């Protein structure tokens, strides 16, 4: 699977249950598109949500 950032609307609609598992309890957010995920490798420009909230880059 590509990163969540690269997924198209049609893919998301067809694989919604798989996508939900990846975003259920997010720890990372993409600095480019703001999609979030449980795992670092599921977004293209990841930053820990906790770091982002503290202003770290």
PDB file of N, CA and C in Angstrom:
ATOM      1  N   UNK A   1       0.820  -1.181   0.000  1.00  0.00           N
ATOM      2  CA  UNK A   1       0.000   0.000   0.000  1.00  0.00           C
ATOM      3  C   UNK A   1       0.869   1.251   0.000  1.00  0.00           C
ATOM      4  N   UNK A   2       0.424   2.238  -0.708  1.00  0.00           N
ATOM      5  CA  UNK A   2       1.093   3.531  -0.700  1.00  0.00           C
ATOM      6  C   UNK A   2       0.883   4.177   0.663  1.00  0.00           C
ATOM      7  N   UNK A   3       1.460   5.346   0.840  1.00  0.00           N
ATOM      8  CA  UNK A   3       1.156   6.070   2.071  1.00  0.00           C
ATOM      9  C   UNK A   3      -0.272   6.594   1.978  1.00  0.00           C
ATOM     10  N   UNK A   4      -0.845   6.906   3.114  1.00  0.00           N
ATOM     11  CA  UNK A   4      -2.194   7.462   3.133  1.00  0.00           C
ATOM     12  C   UNK A   4      -2.252   8.759   2.330  1.00  0.00           C
ATOM     13  N   UNK A   5      -1.164   9.480   2.297  1.00  0.00           N
ATOM     14  CA  UNK A   5      -1.099  10.753   1.577  1.00  0.00           C
ATOM     15  C   UNK A   5      -1.338  10.579   0.074  1.00  0.00           C
ATOM     16  N   UNK A   6      -0.948   9.430  -0.451  1.00  0.00           N
ATOM     17  CA  UNK A   6      -1.052   9.167  -1.883  1.00  0.00           C
ATOM     18  C   UNK A   6      -2.361   8.505  -2.308  1.00  0.00           C
ATOM     19  N   UNK A   7      -3.175   8.119  -1.361  1.00  0.00           N
ATOM     20  CA  UNK A   7      -4.390   7.387  -1.705  1.00  0.00           C
ATOM     21  C   UNK A   7      -5.435   8.285  -2.368  1.00  0.00           C
ATOM     22  N   UNK A   8      -6.057   7.747  -3.364  1.00  0.00           N
ATOM     23  CA  UNK A   8      -7.122   8.449  -4.081  1.00  0.00           C
ATOM     24  C   UNK A   8      -8.463   8.134  -3.437  1.00  0.00           C
ATOM     25  N   UNK A   9      -9.418   8.993  -3.656  1.00  0.00           N
ATOM     26  CA  UNK A   9     -10.751   8.858  -3.076  1.00  0.00           C
ATOM     27  C   UNK A   9     -11.372   7.490  -3.377  1.00  0.00           C
ATOM     28  N   UNK A  10     -11.241   7.021  -4.600  1.00  0.00           N
ATOM     29  CA  UNK A  10     -11.822   5.727  -4.981  1.00  0.00           C
ATOM     30  C   UNK A  10     -11.218   4.582  -4.178  1.00  0.00           C
ATOM     31  N   UNK A  11      -9.895   4.605  -3.991  1.00  0.00           N
ATOM     32  CA  UNK A  11      -9.240   3.555  -3.210  1.00  0.00           C
ATOM     33  C   UNK A  11      -9.742   3.583  -1.772  1.00  0.00           C
ATOM     34  N   UNK A  12      -9.827   4.767  -1.201  1.00  0.00           N
ATOM     35  CA  UNK A  12     -10.290   4.905   0.179  1.00  0.00           C
ATOM     36  C   UNK A  12     -11.694   4.336   0.321  1.00  0.00           C
ATOM     37  N   UNK A  13     -12.565   4.672  -0.599  1.00  0.00           N
ATOM     38  CA  UNK A  13     -13.943   4.183  -0.544  1.00  0.00           C
ATOM     39  C   UNK A  13     -14.009   2.658  -0.639  1.00  0.00           C
ATOM     40  N   UNK A  14     -13.174   2.058  -1.468  1.00  0.00           N
ATOM     41  CA  UNK A  14     -13.177   0.611  -1.667  1.00  0.00           C
ATOM     42  C   UNK A  14     -12.521  -0.155  -0.515  1.00  0.00           C
ATOM     43  N   UNK A  15     -11.627   0.493   0.214  1.00  0.00           N
ATOM     44  CA  UNK A  15     -10.855  -0.165   1.274  1.00  0.00           C
ATOM     45  C   UNK A  15     -11.037   0.543   2.619  1.00  0.00           C
ATOM     46  N   UNK A  16     -12.216   1.051   2.866  1.00  0.00           N
ATOM     47  CA  UNK A  16     -12.458   1.882   4.048  1.00  0.00           C
ATOM     48  C   UNK A  16     -12.103   1.186   5.357  1.00  0.00           C
ATOM     49  N   UNK A  17     -12.403  -0.093   5.494  1.00  0.00           N
ATOM     50  CA  UNK A  17     -12.100  -0.778   6.761  1.00  0.00           C
ATOM     51  C   UNK A  17     -10.593  -0.871   6.999  1.00  0.00           C
ATOM     52  N   UNK A  18      -9.821  -1.084   5.947  1.00  0.00           N
ATOM     53  CA  UNK A  18      -8.357  -1.124   6.057  1.00  0.00           C
ATOM     54  C   UNK A  18      -7.807   0.251   6.443  1.00  0.00           C
ATOM     55  N   UNK A  19      -8.337   1.278   5.831  1.00  0.00           N
ATOM     56  CA  UNK A  19      -7.896   2.643   6.119  1.00  0.00           C
ATOM     57  C   UNK A  19      -8.234   3.024   7.560  1.00  0.00           C
ATOM     58  N   UNK A  20      -9.401   2.667   8.013  1.00  0.00           N
ATOM     59  CA  UNK A  20      -9.806   2.984   9.393  1.00  0.00           C
ATOM     60  C   UNK A  20      -8.842   2.377  10.396  1.00  0.00           C
ATOM     61  N   UNK A  21      -8.380   1.162  10.150  1.00  0.00           N
ATOM     62  CA  UNK A  21      -7.425   0.522  11.058  1.00  0.00           C
ATOM     63  C   UNK A  21      -6.121   1.316  11.145  1.00  0.00           C
ATOM     64  N   UNK A  22      -5.748   1.970  10.052  1.00  0.00           N
ATOM     65  CA  UNK A  22      -4.493   2.721  10.021  1.00  0.00           C
ATOM     66  C   UNK A  22      -4.594   4.083  10.703  1.00  0.00           C
ATOM     67  N   UNK A  23      -5.810   4.572  10.880  1.00  0.00           N
ATOM     68  CA  UNK A  23      -5.986   5.910  11.449  1.00  0.00           C
ATOM     69  C   UNK A  23      -6.733   5.904  12.783  1.00  0.00           C
ATOM     70  N   UNK A  24      -7.012   4.721  13.304  1.00  0.00           N
ATOM     71  CA  UNK A  24      -7.824   4.573  14.511  1.00  0.00           C
ATOM     72  C   UNK A  24      -7.294   5.377  15.699  1.00  0.00           C
ATOM     73  N   UNK A  25      -6.042   5.219  16.028  1.00  0.00           N
ATOM     74  CA  UNK A  25      -5.422   5.939  17.145  1.00  0.00           C
ATOM     75  C   UNK A  25      -4.123   6.572  16.638  1.00  0.00           C
ATOM     76  N   UNK A  26      -4.245   7.678  15.944  1.00  0.00           N
ATOM     77  CA  UNK A  26      -3.079   8.260  15.280  1.00  0.00           C
ATOM     78  C   UNK A  26      -2.012   8.779  16.236  1.00  0.00           C
ATOM     79  N   UNK A  27      -0.774   8.548  15.845  1.00  0.00           N
ATOM     80  CA  UNK A  27       0.388   9.064  16.573  1.00  0.00           C
ATOM     81  C   UNK A  27       1.157  10.058  15.701  1.00  0.00           C
ATOM     82  N   UNK A  28       0.966   9.947  14.389  1.00  0.00           N
ATOM     83  CA  UNK A  28       1.705  10.772  13.437  1.00  0.00           C
ATOM     84  C   UNK A  28       0.750  11.552  12.549  1.00  0.00           C
ATOM     85  N   UNK A  29       1.218  12.706  12.100  1.00  0.00           N
ATOM     86  CA  UNK A  29       0.471  13.515  11.147  1.00  0.00           C
ATOM     87  C   UNK A  29       1.448  13.907  10.031  1.00  0.00           C
ATOM     88  N   UNK A  30       0.943  13.998   8.826  1.00  0.00           N
ATOM     89  CA  UNK A  30       1.774  14.423   7.701  1.00  0.00           C
ATOM     90  C   UNK A  30       1.876  15.946   7.712  1.00  0.00           C
ATOM     91  N   UNK A  31       3.091  16.455   7.632  1.00  0.00           N
ATOM     92  CA  UNK A  31       3.310  17.901   7.625  1.00  0.00           C
ATOM     93  C   UNK A  31       2.853  18.550   6.330  1.00  0.00           C
ATOM     94  N   UNK A  32       2.640  17.748   5.306  1.00  0.00           N
ATOM     95  CA  UNK A  32       2.236  18.292   3.994  1.00  0.00           C
ATOM     96  C   UNK A  32       0.714  18.347   3.838  1.00  0.00           C
ATOM     97  N   UNK A  33       0.027  17.229   4.110  1.00  0.00           N
ATOM     98  CA  UNK A  33      -1.417  17.173   3.823  1.00  0.00           C
ATOM     99  C   UNK A  33      -2.284  17.006   5.073  1.00  0.00           C
ATOM    100  N   UNK A  34      -1.648  16.824   6.231  1.00  0.00           N
ATOM    101  CA  UNK A  34      -2.332  16.672   7.523  1.00  0.00           C
ATOM    102  C   UNK A  34      -3.103  15.375   7.700  1.00  0.00           C
ATOM    103  N   UNK A  35      -2.870  14.392   6.861  1.00  0.00           N
ATOM    104  CA  UNK A  35      -3.473  13.079   7.120  1.00  0.00           C
ATOM    105  C   UNK A  35      -2.747  12.491   8.330  1.00  0.00           C
ATOM    106  N   UNK A  36      -3.447  11.668   9.093  1.00  0.00           N
ATOM    107  CA  UNK A  36      -2.857  11.102  10.296  1.00  0.00           C
ATOM    108  C   UNK A  36      -2.866   9.583  10.225  1.00  0.00           C
ATOM    109  N   UNK A  37      -1.972   8.967  11.008  1.00  0.00           N
ATOM    110  CA  UNK A  37      -1.835   7.510  10.980  1.00  0.00           C
ATOM    111  C   UNK A  37      -1.254   6.996  12.287  1.00  0.00           C
ATOM    112  N   UNK A  38      -1.456   5.699  12.505  1.00  0.00           N
ATOM    113  CA  UNK A  38      -0.902   5.024  13.680  1.00  0.00           C
ATOM    114  C   UNK A  38       0.598   4.792  13.546  1.00  0.00           C
ATOM    115  N   UNK A  39       1.068   4.600  12.305  1.00  0.00           N
ATOM    116  CA  UNK A  39       2.463   4.244  12.046  1.00  0.00           C
ATOM    117  C   UNK A  39       3.153   5.320  11.213  1.00  0.00           C
ATOM    118  N   UNK A  40       4.413   5.538  11.506  1.00  0.00           N
ATOM    119  CA  UNK A  40       5.214   6.580  10.860  1.00  0.00           C
ATOM    120  C   UNK A  40       5.296   6.407   9.348  1.00  0.00           C
ATOM    121  N   UNK A  41       5.414   5.171   8.883  1.00  0.00           N
ATOM    122  CA  UNK A  41       5.615   4.930   7.456  1.00  0.00           C
ATOM    123  C   UNK A  41       4.326   5.002   6.628  1.00  0.00           C
ATOM    124  N   UNK A  42       3.218   5.339   7.244  1.00  0.00           N
ATOM    125  CA  UNK A  42       1.944   5.419   6.523  1.00  0.00           C
ATOM    126  C   UNK A  42       1.635   6.835   6.022  1.00  0.00           C
ATOM    127  N   UNK A  43       2.461   7.822   6.401  1.00  0.00           N
ATOM    128  CA  UNK A  43       2.328   9.182   5.875  1.00  0.00           C
ATOM    129  C   UNK A  43       3.671   9.617   5.300  1.00  0.00           C
ATOM    130  N   UNK A  44       3.651  10.512   4.321  1.00  0.00           N
ATOM    131  CA  UNK A  44       4.899  10.811   3.598  1.00  0.00           C
ATOM    132  C   UNK A  44       5.844  11.769   4.329  1.00  0.00           C
ATOM    133  N   UNK A  45       5.336  12.688   5.114  1.00  0.00           N
ATOM    134  CA  UNK A  45       6.181  13.624   5.861  1.00  0.00           C
ATOM    135  C   UNK A  45       5.749  13.607   7.332  1.00  0.00           C
ATOM    136  N   UNK A  46       6.071  12.504   8.029  1.00  0.00           N
ATOM    137  CA  UNK A  46       5.544  12.309   9.383  1.00  0.00           C
ATOM    138  C   UNK A  46       6.192  13.184  10.449  1.00  0.00           C
ATOM    139  N   UNK A  47       5.370  13.573  11.388  1.00  0.00           N
ATOM    140  CA  UNK A  47       5.832  14.191  12.629  1.00  0.00           C
ATOM    141  C   UNK A  47       4.925  13.641  13.722  1.00  0.00           C
ATOM    142  N   UNK A  48       5.503  13.351  14.868  1.00  0.00           N
ATOM    143  CA  UNK A  48       4.698  12.884  15.983  1.00  0.00           C
ATOM    144  C   UNK A  48       3.689  13.973  16.356  1.00  0.00           C
ATOM    145  N   UNK A  49       2.477  13.598  16.593  1.00  0.00           N
ATOM    146  CA  UNK A  49       1.459  14.569  16.959  1.00  0.00           C
ATOM    147  C   UNK A  49       1.866  15.297  18.244  1.00  0.00           C
ATOM    148  N   UNK A  50       2.412  14.547  19.193  1.00  0.00           N
ATOM    149  CA  UNK A  50       2.838  15.171  20.452  1.00  0.00           C
ATOM    150  C   UNK A  50       3.926  16.212  20.208  1.00  0.00           C
ATOM    151  N   UNK A  51       4.853  15.942  19.288  1.00  0.00           N
ATOM    152  CA  UNK A  51       5.898  16.912  18.950  1.00  0.00           C
ATOM    153  C   UNK A  51       5.302  18.142  18.275  1.00  0.00           C
ATOM    154  N   UNK A  52       4.354  17.919  17.378  1.00  0.00           N
ATOM    155  CA  UNK A  52       3.726  19.022  16.669  1.00  0.00           C
ATOM    156  C   UNK A  52       2.996  19.948  17.640  1.00  0.00           C
ATOM    157  N   UNK A  53       2.348  19.348  18.638  1.00  0.00           N
ATOM    158  CA  UNK A  53       1.636  20.150  19.627  1.00  0.00           C
ATOM    159  C   UNK A  53       2.582  20.996  20.483  1.00  0.00           C
ATOM    160  N   UNK A  54       3.824  20.512  20.623  1.00  0.00           N
ATOM    161  CA  UNK A  54       4.812  21.227  21.425  1.00  0.00           C
ATOM    162  C   UNK A  54       5.640  22.185  20.569  1.00  0.00           C
ATOM    163  N   UNK A  55       5.334  22.271  19.285  1.00  0.00           N
ATOM    164  CA  UNK A  55       6.035  23.194  18.405  1.00  0.00           C
ATOM    165  C   UNK A  55       7.347  22.684  17.854  1.00  0.00           C
ATOM    166  N   UNK A  56       7.643  21.383  18.022  1.00  0.00           N
ATOM    167  CA  UNK A  56       8.864  20.798  17.461  1.00  0.00           C
ATOM    168  C   UNK A  56       8.673  20.510  15.996  1.00  0.00           C
ATOM    169  N   UNK A  57       9.776  20.505  15.251  1.00  0.00           N
ATOM    170  CA  UNK A  57       9.690  20.241  13.812  1.00  0.00           C
ATOM    171  C   UNK A  57      10.346  18.962  13.453  1.00  0.00           C
TER     172      UNK A  57
END
